[in-house]
Amino acid sequence: MQYDKDRFQVWKLSHPFIFFWVLFPAAIFNELILGQRQPKVTLIDKKSDKPWIERCYIPCPHCETLNDARLWAKWNAFGNWFGFVCPSCHQVIPCLWNIFSLAVLAITYPLWYFPARFFRRRWLEKEKERLANALGHPLIQAKSINWLFRGIFLWGGFMWLILGVIPQIWNVLNGKEWDLVMMFVNLPIWLVAGLAWGLCMRFFMNRKGKGR
């Protein structure tokens, strides 16, 4: 599939952000548990003056439709274990895999192969319904996203829960004592990290194109 490189910036494996996703170890949780995936190709409209999040498109290699990437925003960003489903032809748009996710999948192959084959068709039907519902409503706007709230309370709070609270619960279950000092020392650290993440995302996602 050929792309108009005068109009679009092409994000694929050679792009630093995509390369980072493939090599970042923490992406295991996003891909295998949450079902957050990164398409093999994302197109950024360079000639639009809209914010970055509103000028991203995911091309379908089967029917060549340019799908608005916001179709897979908010809750639709989760549950895409098999890839993204094109709302036009209902074929699966190929996505990348993090190398650490691939290693886990290779090791656990006997555990997931047959359940995945069994549930894939049901998952596909559910994705068609979810996309039809998304197409029936206005897509998310950049100005409506509170990135600071998402960064501090969702990202920072979630990371504190995963890396600060759950390990303490695991220790208690194994006969050890709560380390409350360490748990609550980690809280402001993750909240500050979440603030930094939110500020970066607000800057990046609201960055407008040249509009020429």
N, C-alpha and C. Protein backbone atom coordinates (compact mmCIF):
# COMPACT_ATOMS: atom_id res chain seq x y z
N MET A 1 0.85 -1.19 0.00
CA MET A 1 0.00 0.00 0.00
C MET A 1 0.89 1.24 0.00
N GLN A 2 0.67 2.14 -0.98
CA GLN A 2 1.47 3.35 -1.11
C GLN A 2 0.78 4.52 -0.39
N TYR A 3 1.60 5.40 0.19
CA TYR A 3 1.08 6.54 0.93
C TYR A 3 1.65 7.83 0.34
N ASP A 4 0.83 8.87 0.39
CA ASP A 4 1.25 10.19 -0.09
C ASP A 4 2.15 10.82 0.97
N LYS A 5 3.46 10.72 0.78
CA LYS A 5 4.40 11.21 1.78
C LYS A 5 4.49 12.73 1.80
N ASP A 6 3.94 13.39 0.79
CA ASP A 6 3.86 14.85 0.83
C ASP A 6 2.79 15.29 1.82
N ARG A 7 1.77 14.47 1.98
CA ARG A 7 0.68 14.81 2.89
C ARG A 7 0.86 14.16 4.25
N PHE A 8 1.34 12.93 4.27
CA PHE A 8 1.39 12.17 5.52
C PHE A 8 2.82 11.91 5.99
N GLN A 9 2.98 11.98 7.29
CA GLN A 9 4.17 11.44 7.93
C GLN A 9 3.86 10.00 8.30
N VAL A 10 4.71 9.08 7.89
CA VAL A 10 4.46 7.66 8.08
C VAL A 10 5.21 7.17 9.32
N TRP A 11 4.41 6.68 10.30
CA TRP A 11 5.00 6.07 11.49
C TRP A 11 4.93 4.55 11.34
N LYS A 12 6.10 3.94 11.29
CA LYS A 12 6.18 2.48 11.28
C LYS A 12 7.38 2.07 12.12
N LEU A 13 7.84 0.84 11.98
CA LEU A 13 8.84 0.31 12.90
C LEU A 13 10.12 1.15 12.95
N SER A 14 10.46 1.82 11.87
CA SER A 14 11.69 2.61 11.86
C SER A 14 11.57 3.91 12.65
N HIS A 15 10.33 4.32 13.00
CA HIS A 15 10.14 5.56 13.76
C HIS A 15 10.55 5.33 15.21
N PRO A 16 11.24 6.31 15.85
CA PRO A 16 11.72 6.12 17.23
C PRO A 16 10.63 5.75 18.23
N PHE A 17 9.45 6.37 18.12
CA PHE A 17 8.38 6.07 19.06
C PHE A 17 7.91 4.62 18.92
N ILE A 18 7.75 4.17 17.68
CA ILE A 18 7.31 2.80 17.43
C ILE A 18 8.39 1.81 17.87
N PHE A 19 9.64 2.15 17.60
CA PHE A 19 10.75 1.29 18.00
C PHE A 19 10.80 1.17 19.52
N PHE A 20 10.53 2.28 20.20
CA PHE A 20 10.51 2.28 21.67
C PHE A 20 9.41 1.35 22.19
N TRP A 21 8.23 1.40 21.56
CA TRP A 21 7.13 0.53 21.97
C TRP A 21 7.52 -0.94 21.86
N VAL A 22 8.20 -1.29 20.80
CA VAL A 22 8.58 -2.68 20.57
C VAL A 22 9.61 -3.16 21.59
N LEU A 23 10.45 -2.26 22.10
CA LEU A 23 11.53 -2.65 23.00
C LEU A 23 11.25 -2.38 24.47
N PHE A 24 10.17 -1.64 24.78
CA PHE A 24 9.90 -1.24 26.16
C PHE A 24 9.31 -2.41 26.95
N PRO A 25 9.98 -2.91 27.99
CA PRO A 25 9.51 -4.11 28.70
C PRO A 25 8.11 -3.98 29.31
N ALA A 26 7.78 -2.78 29.83
CA ALA A 26 6.49 -2.61 30.50
C ALA A 26 5.31 -2.75 29.55
N ALA A 27 5.56 -2.70 28.23
CA ALA A 27 4.47 -2.85 27.26
C ALA A 27 3.86 -4.25 27.30
N ILE A 28 4.54 -5.19 27.96
CA ILE A 28 3.98 -6.54 28.13
C ILE A 28 2.60 -6.45 28.77
N PHE A 29 2.50 -5.66 29.84
CA PHE A 29 1.22 -5.53 30.55
C PHE A 29 0.16 -4.92 29.65
N ASN A 30 0.54 -3.87 28.92
CA ASN A 30 -0.42 -3.19 28.04
C ASN A 30 -0.94 -4.13 26.95
N GLU A 31 -0.05 -4.90 26.37
CA GLU A 31 -0.45 -5.75 25.24
C GLU A 31 -1.17 -7.01 25.68
N LEU A 32 -0.59 -7.73 26.63
CA LEU A 32 -1.13 -9.05 26.98
C LEU A 32 -2.30 -8.99 27.94
N ILE A 33 -2.32 -8.01 28.83
CA ILE A 33 -3.39 -7.92 29.82
C ILE A 33 -4.49 -6.95 29.36
N LEU A 34 -4.09 -5.73 28.98
CA LEU A 34 -5.07 -4.70 28.62
C LEU A 34 -5.50 -4.78 27.16
N GLY A 35 -4.69 -5.40 26.32
CA GLY A 35 -5.04 -5.48 24.91
C GLY A 35 -4.80 -4.18 24.16
N GLN A 36 -3.85 -3.37 24.62
CA GLN A 36 -3.49 -2.15 23.90
C GLN A 36 -2.45 -2.49 22.85
N ARG A 37 -2.70 -2.14 21.61
CA ARG A 37 -1.81 -2.51 20.52
C ARG A 37 -1.38 -1.28 19.74
N GLN A 38 -0.29 -1.44 19.03
CA GLN A 38 0.24 -0.38 18.17
C GLN A 38 0.19 -0.86 16.73
N PRO A 39 -0.58 -0.20 15.85
CA PRO A 39 -0.65 -0.66 14.46
C PRO A 39 0.70 -0.58 13.78
N LYS A 40 0.91 -1.42 12.78
CA LYS A 40 2.18 -1.43 12.07
C LYS A 40 2.43 -0.12 11.33
N VAL A 41 1.36 0.54 10.92
CA VAL A 41 1.50 1.81 10.20
C VAL A 41 0.48 2.81 10.75
N THR A 42 0.96 4.01 11.06
CA THR A 42 0.09 5.12 11.44
C THR A 42 0.47 6.32 10.57
N LEU A 43 -0.52 7.00 10.04
CA LEU A 43 -0.28 8.16 9.18
C LEU A 43 -0.66 9.44 9.92
N ILE A 44 0.22 10.44 9.87
CA ILE A 44 -0.03 11.73 10.49
C ILE A 44 -0.19 12.76 9.38
N ASP A 45 -1.35 13.41 9.32
CA ASP A 45 -1.63 14.40 8.28
C ASP A 45 -0.81 15.66 8.55
N LYS A 46 0.17 15.93 7.70
CA LYS A 46 1.04 17.08 7.88
C LYS A 46 0.40 18.38 7.41
N LYS A 47 -0.64 18.29 6.59
CA LYS A 47 -1.23 19.49 6.01
C LYS A 47 -2.46 19.98 6.77
N SER A 48 -2.82 19.29 7.82
CA SER A 48 -3.96 19.71 8.64
C SER A 48 -3.46 20.60 9.78
N ASP A 49 -4.30 21.56 10.19
CA ASP A 49 -3.94 22.43 11.31
C ASP A 49 -4.62 21.97 12.61
N LYS A 50 -5.16 20.74 12.62
CA LYS A 50 -5.81 20.21 13.80
C LYS A 50 -4.76 19.70 14.80
N PRO A 51 -5.17 19.50 16.06
CA PRO A 51 -4.24 18.89 17.02
C PRO A 51 -3.81 17.50 16.56
N TRP A 52 -2.66 17.05 17.06
CA TRP A 52 -2.06 15.79 16.63
C TRP A 52 -3.03 14.63 16.72
N ILE A 53 -3.75 14.53 17.83
CA ILE A 53 -4.64 13.38 18.05
C ILE A 53 -5.77 13.33 17.03
N GLU A 54 -6.09 14.49 16.41
CA GLU A 54 -7.21 14.56 15.46
C GLU A 54 -6.75 14.42 14.02
N ARG A 55 -5.45 14.24 13.80
CA ARG A 55 -4.96 14.09 12.42
C ARG A 55 -4.15 12.81 12.24
N CYS A 56 -4.46 11.81 13.06
CA CYS A 56 -3.82 10.50 12.96
C CYS A 56 -4.78 9.51 12.29
N TYR A 57 -4.25 8.74 11.37
CA TYR A 57 -5.06 7.76 10.65
C TYR A 57 -4.36 6.41 10.65
N ILE A 58 -5.18 5.36 10.71
CA ILE A 58 -4.67 3.99 10.66
C ILE A 58 -5.17 3.35 9.37
N PRO A 59 -4.29 3.12 8.41
CA PRO A 59 -4.73 2.56 7.12
C PRO A 59 -5.00 1.06 7.22
N CYS A 60 -6.01 0.63 6.50
CA CYS A 60 -6.31 -0.79 6.42
C CYS A 60 -5.62 -1.35 5.17
N PRO A 61 -4.74 -2.33 5.31
CA PRO A 61 -4.05 -2.88 4.13
C PRO A 61 -4.96 -3.72 3.24
N HIS A 62 -6.15 -4.07 3.72
CA HIS A 62 -7.07 -4.92 2.96
C HIS A 62 -7.95 -4.09 2.02
N CYS A 63 -8.57 -3.03 2.53
CA CYS A 63 -9.48 -2.22 1.69
C CYS A 63 -8.93 -0.81 1.45
N GLU A 64 -7.76 -0.49 2.04
CA GLU A 64 -7.06 0.78 1.87
C GLU A 64 -7.84 1.97 2.42
N THR A 65 -8.75 1.71 3.34
CA THR A 65 -9.46 2.80 4.01
C THR A 65 -8.55 3.46 5.04
N LEU A 66 -8.59 4.79 5.11
CA LEU A 66 -7.85 5.52 6.14
C LEU A 66 -8.80 5.74 7.32
N ASN A 67 -8.59 4.99 8.37
CA ASN A 67 -9.47 5.07 9.54
C ASN A 67 -8.96 6.08 10.55
N ASP A 68 -9.87 6.90 11.04
CA ASP A 68 -9.52 7.85 12.08
C ASP A 68 -9.03 7.08 13.31
N ALA A 69 -7.83 7.40 13.78
CA ALA A 69 -7.24 6.66 14.91
C ALA A 69 -8.04 6.84 16.19
N ARG A 70 -8.89 7.87 16.24
CA ARG A 70 -9.68 8.09 17.45
C ARG A 70 -10.77 7.04 17.64
N LEU A 71 -10.98 6.22 16.62
CA LEU A 71 -11.91 5.09 16.80
C LEU A 71 -11.41 4.14 17.87
N TRP A 72 -10.09 4.14 18.08
CA TRP A 72 -9.50 3.26 19.10
C TRP A 72 -8.98 4.07 20.28
N ALA A 73 -9.69 5.14 20.60
CA ALA A 73 -9.35 5.95 21.77
C ALA A 73 -10.27 5.56 22.93
N LYS A 74 -10.00 6.13 24.08
CA LYS A 74 -10.77 5.90 25.30
C LYS A 74 -10.87 4.39 25.57
N TRP A 75 -12.07 3.88 25.85
CA TRP A 75 -12.21 2.46 26.20
C TRP A 75 -11.95 1.55 25.02
N ASN A 76 -12.08 2.07 23.80
CA ASN A 76 -11.80 1.24 22.62
C ASN A 76 -10.31 0.96 22.45
N ALA A 77 -9.48 1.61 23.26
CA ALA A 77 -8.05 1.34 23.19
C ALA A 77 -7.70 -0.01 23.82
N PHE A 78 -8.64 -0.56 24.58
CA PHE A 78 -8.38 -1.82 25.28
C PHE A 78 -9.07 -2.99 24.56
N GLY A 79 -8.57 -4.18 24.81
CA GLY A 79 -9.21 -5.39 24.29
C GLY A 79 -8.89 -5.73 22.85
N ASN A 80 -7.82 -5.13 22.31
CA ASN A 80 -7.45 -5.38 20.91
C ASN A 80 -6.34 -6.42 20.80
N TRP A 81 -6.53 -7.56 21.47
CA TRP A 81 -5.48 -8.58 21.52
C TRP A 81 -5.12 -9.12 20.14
N PHE A 82 -6.08 -9.22 19.24
CA PHE A 82 -5.81 -9.79 17.92
C PHE A 82 -5.47 -8.72 16.88
N GLY A 83 -5.52 -7.45 17.27
CA GLY A 83 -5.27 -6.35 16.35
C GLY A 83 -6.46 -5.41 16.31
N PHE A 84 -6.44 -4.47 15.37
CA PHE A 84 -7.55 -3.55 15.17
C PHE A 84 -8.45 -4.08 14.04
N VAL A 85 -9.74 -3.93 14.20
CA VAL A 85 -10.69 -4.38 13.17
C VAL A 85 -11.11 -3.18 12.33
N CYS A 86 -10.93 -3.28 11.04
CA CYS A 86 -11.32 -2.20 10.14
C CYS A 86 -12.84 -2.08 10.10
N PRO A 87 -13.41 -0.89 10.36
CA PRO A 87 -14.87 -0.76 10.35
C PRO A 87 -15.47 -0.83 8.95
N SER A 88 -14.63 -0.75 7.92
CA SER A 88 -15.15 -0.79 6.55
C SER A 88 -15.24 -2.22 6.01
N CYS A 89 -14.17 -3.00 6.15
CA CYS A 89 -14.17 -4.35 5.58
C CYS A 89 -14.17 -5.45 6.65
N HIS A 90 -14.06 -5.05 7.91
CA HIS A 90 -14.09 -5.98 9.05
C HIS A 90 -12.93 -6.98 9.04
N GLN A 91 -11.86 -6.64 8.33
CA GLN A 91 -10.64 -7.43 8.39
C GLN A 91 -9.75 -6.90 9.52
N VAL A 92 -8.86 -7.72 10.00
CA VAL A 92 -7.98 -7.32 11.10
C VAL A 92 -6.78 -6.55 10.56
N ILE A 93 -6.59 -5.34 11.07
CA ILE A 93 -5.44 -4.52 10.70
C ILE A 93 -4.23 -5.00 11.51
N PRO A 94 -3.15 -5.39 10.86
CA PRO A 94 -1.99 -5.94 11.59
C PRO A 94 -1.40 -4.92 12.56
N CYS A 95 -0.98 -5.43 13.71
CA CYS A 95 -0.35 -4.61 14.74
C CYS A 95 1.02 -5.20 15.09
N LEU A 96 1.84 -4.37 15.69
CA LEU A 96 3.16 -4.81 16.14
C LEU A 96 3.05 -5.56 17.46
N TRP A 97 4.09 -6.32 17.77
CA TRP A 97 4.22 -6.97 19.07
C TRP A 97 5.51 -6.51 19.74
N ASN A 98 5.42 -6.22 21.00
CA ASN A 98 6.60 -5.98 21.80
C ASN A 98 7.42 -7.28 21.88
N ILE A 99 8.74 -7.18 21.82
CA ILE A 99 9.55 -8.39 21.78
C ILE A 99 9.43 -9.20 23.07
N PHE A 100 9.19 -8.52 24.19
CA PHE A 100 9.04 -9.24 25.46
C PHE A 100 7.68 -9.94 25.52
N SER A 101 6.67 -9.33 24.91
CA SER A 101 5.37 -9.99 24.81
C SER A 101 5.48 -11.26 23.97
N LEU A 102 6.24 -11.16 22.87
CA LEU A 102 6.42 -12.34 22.02
C LEU A 102 7.13 -13.46 22.77
N ALA A 103 8.07 -13.10 23.62
CA ALA A 103 8.78 -14.12 24.40
C ALA A 103 7.82 -14.82 25.35
N VAL A 104 6.96 -14.03 26.02
CA VAL A 104 5.98 -14.62 26.94
C VAL A 104 5.00 -15.50 26.17
N LEU A 105 4.55 -15.04 25.02
CA LEU A 105 3.62 -15.82 24.21
C LEU A 105 4.25 -17.14 23.74
N ALA A 106 5.52 -17.08 23.40
CA ALA A 106 6.21 -18.30 22.95
C ALA A 106 6.31 -19.32 24.09
N ILE A 107 6.61 -18.84 25.29
CA ILE A 107 6.76 -19.73 26.43
C ILE A 107 5.42 -20.34 26.85
N THR A 108 4.36 -19.53 26.77
CA THR A 108 3.04 -19.98 27.25
C THR A 108 2.15 -20.48 26.11
N TYR A 109 2.74 -20.76 24.97
CA TYR A 109 1.99 -21.17 23.78
C TYR A 109 0.93 -22.25 24.04
N PRO A 110 1.25 -23.30 24.76
CA PRO A 110 0.22 -24.35 24.97
C PRO A 110 -0.98 -23.88 25.78
N LEU A 111 -0.81 -22.81 26.56
CA LEU A 111 -1.89 -22.34 27.43
C LEU A 111 -2.91 -21.47 26.70
N TRP A 112 -2.45 -20.70 25.70
CA TRP A 112 -3.36 -19.74 25.09
C TRP A 112 -3.79 -20.10 23.66
N TYR A 113 -3.10 -21.00 22.99
CA TYR A 113 -3.36 -21.22 21.57
C TYR A 113 -4.81 -21.66 21.29
N PHE A 114 -5.28 -22.71 21.94
CA PHE A 114 -6.63 -23.21 21.66
C PHE A 114 -7.72 -22.27 22.18
N PRO A 115 -7.59 -21.69 23.40
CA PRO A 115 -8.59 -20.69 23.82
C PRO A 115 -8.65 -19.50 22.87
N ALA A 116 -7.49 -19.07 22.35
CA ALA A 116 -7.49 -17.94 21.43
C ALA A 116 -8.22 -18.28 20.13
N ARG A 117 -8.00 -19.48 19.61
CA ARG A 117 -8.70 -19.89 18.39
C ARG A 117 -10.21 -19.97 18.63
N PHE A 118 -10.59 -20.40 19.82
CA PHE A 118 -12.01 -20.55 20.13
C PHE A 118 -12.70 -19.19 20.28
N PHE A 119 -12.04 -18.25 20.93
CA PHE A 119 -12.67 -16.96 21.23
C PHE A 119 -12.46 -15.90 20.16
N ARG A 120 -11.60 -16.16 19.18
CA ARG A 120 -11.29 -15.13 18.20
C ARG A 120 -12.51 -14.69 17.41
N ARG A 121 -13.36 -15.62 17.00
CA ARG A 121 -14.55 -15.26 16.22
C ARG A 121 -15.52 -14.44 17.06
N ARG A 122 -15.69 -14.83 18.32
CA ARG A 122 -16.57 -14.05 19.19
C ARG A 122 -16.00 -12.66 19.42
N TRP A 123 -14.69 -12.59 19.58
CA TRP A 123 -14.04 -11.30 19.76
C TRP A 123 -14.27 -10.41 18.54
N LEU A 124 -14.16 -10.97 17.34
CA LEU A 124 -14.35 -10.21 16.11
C LEU A 124 -15.75 -9.64 16.03
N GLU A 125 -16.77 -10.43 16.37
CA GLU A 125 -18.14 -9.94 16.35
C GLU A 125 -18.34 -8.82 17.36
N LYS A 126 -17.73 -8.97 18.52
CA LYS A 126 -17.84 -7.93 19.54
C LYS A 126 -17.17 -6.65 19.09
N GLU A 127 -16.05 -6.76 18.40
CA GLU A 127 -15.35 -5.59 17.90
C GLU A 127 -16.16 -4.86 16.84
N LYS A 128 -16.85 -5.60 16.01
CA LYS A 128 -17.72 -4.96 15.00
C LYS A 128 -18.79 -4.11 15.69
N GLU A 129 -19.39 -4.64 16.74
CA GLU A 129 -20.40 -3.90 17.48
C GLU A 129 -19.81 -2.67 18.15
N ARG A 130 -18.63 -2.83 18.71
CA ARG A 130 -18.00 -1.71 19.41
C ARG A 130 -17.64 -0.59 18.45
N LEU A 131 -17.14 -0.94 17.26
CA LEU A 131 -16.79 0.07 16.28
C LEU A 131 -18.03 0.76 15.72
N ALA A 132 -19.09 -0.01 15.49
CA ALA A 132 -20.34 0.58 15.01
C ALA A 132 -20.87 1.59 16.02
N ASN A 133 -20.74 1.27 17.29
CA ASN A 133 -21.17 2.19 18.33
C ASN A 133 -20.30 3.45 18.34
N ALA A 134 -18.99 3.28 18.13
CA ALA A 134 -18.08 4.43 18.10
C ALA A 134 -18.37 5.33 16.92
N LEU A 135 -18.69 4.73 15.76
CA LEU A 135 -18.99 5.52 14.57
C LEU A 135 -20.30 6.28 14.71
N GLY A 136 -21.18 5.82 15.61
CA GLY A 136 -22.46 6.47 15.81
C GLY A 136 -22.42 7.64 16.77
N HIS A 137 -21.23 7.93 17.31
CA HIS A 137 -21.08 9.03 18.27
C HIS A 137 -19.93 9.94 17.83
N PRO A 138 -19.95 11.21 18.24
CA PRO A 138 -18.82 12.09 17.91
C PRO A 138 -17.52 11.56 18.50
N LEU A 139 -16.46 11.63 17.72
CA LEU A 139 -15.16 11.16 18.19
C LEU A 139 -14.56 12.16 19.18
N ILE A 140 -13.68 11.67 20.00
CA ILE A 140 -13.09 12.48 21.05
C ILE A 140 -12.34 13.68 20.45
N GLN A 141 -12.41 14.83 21.13
CA GLN A 141 -11.71 16.04 20.72
C GLN A 141 -10.53 16.27 21.65
N ALA A 142 -9.45 16.82 21.11
CA ALA A 142 -8.25 17.03 21.91
C ALA A 142 -8.53 17.92 23.11
N LYS A 143 -9.35 18.96 22.92
CA LYS A 143 -9.60 19.92 24.00
C LYS A 143 -10.44 19.33 25.12
N SER A 144 -11.07 18.18 24.90
CA SER A 144 -11.92 17.58 25.92
C SER A 144 -11.16 16.63 26.83
N ILE A 145 -9.88 16.39 26.54
CA ILE A 145 -9.09 15.43 27.32
C ILE A 145 -8.33 16.15 28.43
N ASN A 146 -8.56 15.77 29.66
CA ASN A 146 -7.84 16.33 30.79
C ASN A 146 -6.60 15.46 31.05
N TRP A 147 -5.50 15.83 30.41
CA TRP A 147 -4.30 15.01 30.48
C TRP A 147 -3.67 15.03 31.87
N LEU A 148 -3.82 16.14 32.61
CA LEU A 148 -3.24 16.20 33.94
C LEU A 148 -3.95 15.23 34.88
N PHE A 149 -5.28 15.16 34.78
CA PHE A 149 -6.03 14.20 35.60
C PHE A 149 -5.64 12.79 35.23
N ARG A 150 -5.56 12.52 33.93
CA ARG A 150 -5.19 11.18 33.48
C ARG A 150 -3.79 10.82 33.94
N GLY A 151 -2.87 11.79 33.88
CA GLY A 151 -1.51 11.51 34.26
C GLY A 151 -1.35 11.27 35.75
N ILE A 152 -1.87 12.18 36.56
CA ILE A 152 -1.66 12.09 38.01
C ILE A 152 -2.44 10.94 38.62
N PHE A 153 -3.74 10.92 38.37
CA PHE A 153 -4.60 9.98 39.09
C PHE A 153 -4.75 8.62 38.40
N LEU A 154 -4.75 8.61 37.07
CA LEU A 154 -4.92 7.34 36.38
C LEU A 154 -3.58 6.66 36.15
N TRP A 155 -2.66 7.33 35.43
CA TRP A 155 -1.37 6.70 35.16
C TRP A 155 -0.54 6.57 36.43
N GLY A 156 -0.36 7.69 37.17
CA GLY A 156 0.45 7.64 38.38
C GLY A 156 -0.16 6.74 39.43
N GLY A 157 -1.48 6.85 39.64
CA GLY A 157 -2.15 6.01 40.63
C GLY A 157 -2.11 4.54 40.25
N PHE A 158 -2.27 4.27 38.97
CA PHE A 158 -2.24 2.88 38.51
C PHE A 158 -0.86 2.27 38.72
N MET A 159 0.19 3.02 38.37
CA MET A 159 1.55 2.51 38.53
C MET A 159 1.87 2.29 40.01
N TRP A 160 1.38 3.18 40.87
CA TRP A 160 1.60 3.00 42.31
C TRP A 160 0.90 1.73 42.81
N LEU A 161 -0.30 1.50 42.30
CA LEU A 161 -1.03 0.30 42.68
C LEU A 161 -0.29 -0.96 42.26
N ILE A 162 0.21 -0.97 41.02
CA ILE A 162 0.89 -2.15 40.48
C ILE A 162 2.24 -2.37 41.13
N LEU A 163 3.02 -1.30 41.29
CA LEU A 163 4.40 -1.46 41.74
C LEU A 163 4.61 -1.13 43.21
N GLY A 164 3.59 -0.52 43.84
CA GLY A 164 3.73 -0.17 45.24
C GLY A 164 2.84 -0.96 46.18
N VAL A 165 1.58 -1.15 45.80
CA VAL A 165 0.62 -1.79 46.69
C VAL A 165 0.61 -3.31 46.50
N ILE A 166 0.48 -3.76 45.26
CA ILE A 166 0.38 -5.19 45.01
C ILE A 166 1.59 -5.97 45.52
N PRO A 167 2.83 -5.47 45.34
CA PRO A 167 3.96 -6.20 45.93
C PRO A 167 3.86 -6.33 47.45
N GLN A 168 3.30 -5.32 48.12
CA GLN A 168 3.12 -5.42 49.57
C GLN A 168 2.08 -6.48 49.93
N ILE A 169 1.02 -6.54 49.15
CA ILE A 169 0.01 -7.57 49.37
C ILE A 169 0.61 -8.95 49.17
N TRP A 170 1.46 -9.08 48.15
CA TRP A 170 2.13 -10.35 47.88
C TRP A 170 3.02 -10.75 49.05
N ASN A 171 3.72 -9.77 49.62
CA ASN A 171 4.59 -10.06 50.76
C ASN A 171 3.78 -10.56 51.96
N VAL A 172 2.62 -9.93 52.20
CA VAL A 172 1.78 -10.33 53.32
C VAL A 172 1.26 -11.75 53.12
N LEU A 173 0.88 -12.06 51.89
CA LEU A 173 0.38 -13.41 51.60
C LEU A 173 1.46 -14.47 51.79
N ASN A 174 2.72 -14.04 51.70
CA ASN A 174 3.84 -14.97 51.89
C ASN A 174 4.44 -14.88 53.29
N GLY A 175 3.65 -14.33 54.22
CA GLY A 175 4.07 -14.34 55.61
C GLY A 175 4.95 -13.19 56.05
N LYS A 176 5.16 -12.22 55.20
CA LYS A 176 5.99 -11.07 55.57
C LYS A 176 5.10 -9.93 56.08
N GLU A 177 5.72 -8.89 56.60
CA GLU A 177 4.97 -7.76 57.15
C GLU A 177 4.84 -6.66 56.11
N TRP A 178 3.79 -5.84 56.32
CA TRP A 178 3.59 -4.66 55.47
C TRP A 178 4.77 -3.71 55.65
N ASP A 179 5.28 -3.17 54.57
CA ASP A 179 6.26 -2.08 54.63
C ASP A 179 5.53 -0.80 54.24
N LEU A 180 4.78 -0.27 55.22
CA LEU A 180 3.94 0.89 54.93
C LEU A 180 4.76 2.12 54.56
N VAL A 181 5.93 2.25 55.17
CA VAL A 181 6.78 3.41 54.86
C VAL A 181 7.14 3.41 53.38
N MET A 182 7.63 2.26 52.90
CA MET A 182 8.02 2.17 51.49
C MET A 182 6.83 2.38 50.57
N MET A 183 5.68 1.83 50.93
CA MET A 183 4.50 1.94 50.09
C MET A 183 4.07 3.40 49.94
N PHE A 184 4.08 4.15 51.04
CA PHE A 184 3.61 5.54 50.97
C PHE A 184 4.70 6.50 50.51
N VAL A 185 5.97 6.10 50.60
CA VAL A 185 7.03 6.90 50.00
C VAL A 185 6.92 6.84 48.48
N ASN A 186 6.50 5.68 47.96
CA ASN A 186 6.35 5.53 46.51
C ASN A 186 5.19 6.34 45.95
N LEU A 187 4.19 6.63 46.77
CA LEU A 187 3.00 7.32 46.27
C LEU A 187 3.33 8.68 45.65
N PRO A 188 3.98 9.62 46.37
CA PRO A 188 4.28 10.92 45.73
C PRO A 188 5.20 10.80 44.54
N ILE A 189 6.10 9.80 44.57
CA ILE A 189 7.01 9.61 43.43
C ILE A 189 6.22 9.30 42.17
N TRP A 190 5.25 8.38 42.28
CA TRP A 190 4.46 8.01 41.11
C TRP A 190 3.49 9.12 40.70
N LEU A 191 3.00 9.89 41.66
CA LEU A 191 2.11 11.01 41.32
C LEU A 191 2.87 12.09 40.55
N VAL A 192 4.12 12.36 40.95
CA VAL A 192 4.94 13.33 40.23
C VAL A 192 5.26 12.79 38.83
N ALA A 193 5.58 11.50 38.76
CA ALA A 193 5.84 10.89 37.45
C ALA A 193 4.59 10.97 36.57
N GLY A 194 3.42 10.77 37.18
CA GLY A 194 2.17 10.89 36.43
C GLY A 194 1.93 12.30 35.95
N LEU A 195 2.29 13.29 36.77
CA LEU A 195 2.16 14.69 36.36
C LEU A 195 3.04 14.97 35.15
N ALA A 196 4.29 14.48 35.19
CA ALA A 196 5.20 14.67 34.06
C ALA A 196 4.65 14.00 32.81
N TRP A 197 4.11 12.79 32.97
CA TRP A 197 3.52 12.07 31.83
C TRP A 197 2.35 12.86 31.25
N GLY A 198 1.50 13.38 32.13
CA GLY A 198 0.33 14.13 31.68
C GLY A 198 0.72 15.41 30.94
N LEU A 199 1.75 16.11 31.43
CA LEU A 199 2.20 17.33 30.77
C LEU A 199 2.77 17.03 29.39
N CYS A 200 3.55 15.94 29.30
CA CYS A 200 4.11 15.55 28.00
C CYS A 200 3.01 15.17 27.02
N MET A 201 2.02 14.41 27.49
CA MET A 201 0.93 14.00 26.61
C MET A 201 0.09 15.19 26.17
N ARG A 202 -0.14 16.14 27.09
CA ARG A 202 -0.93 17.33 26.72
C ARG A 202 -0.22 18.12 25.63
N PHE A 203 1.09 18.27 25.77
CA PHE A 203 1.85 19.00 24.76
C PHE A 203 1.84 18.26 23.43
N PHE A 204 2.07 16.95 23.49
CA PHE A 204 2.21 16.16 22.26
C PHE A 204 0.88 16.02 21.53
N MET A 205 -0.16 15.65 22.26
CA MET A 205 -1.45 15.37 21.63
C MET A 205 -2.15 16.62 21.12
N ASN A 206 -1.82 17.78 21.68
CA ASN A 206 -2.45 19.03 21.25
C ASN A 206 -1.61 19.81 20.25
N ARG A 207 -0.47 19.24 19.87
CA ARG A 207 0.40 19.93 18.92
C ARG A 207 -0.27 19.99 17.55
N LYS A 208 -0.39 21.19 17.02
CA LYS A 208 -1.12 21.36 15.76
C LYS A 208 -0.17 21.23 14.57
N GLY A 209 -0.78 20.86 13.44
CA GLY A 209 -0.02 20.76 12.20
C GLY A 209 0.18 22.12 11.57
N LYS A 210 0.93 22.12 10.48
CA LYS A 210 1.26 23.38 9.81
C LYS A 210 0.08 23.93 9.03
N GLY A 211 -0.80 23.04 8.59
CA GLY A 211 -2.03 23.47 7.91
C GLY A 211 -1.78 24.14 6.60
N ARG A 212 -0.76 23.73 5.91
CA ARG A 212 -0.47 24.35 4.61
C ARG A 212 -1.19 23.60 3.48
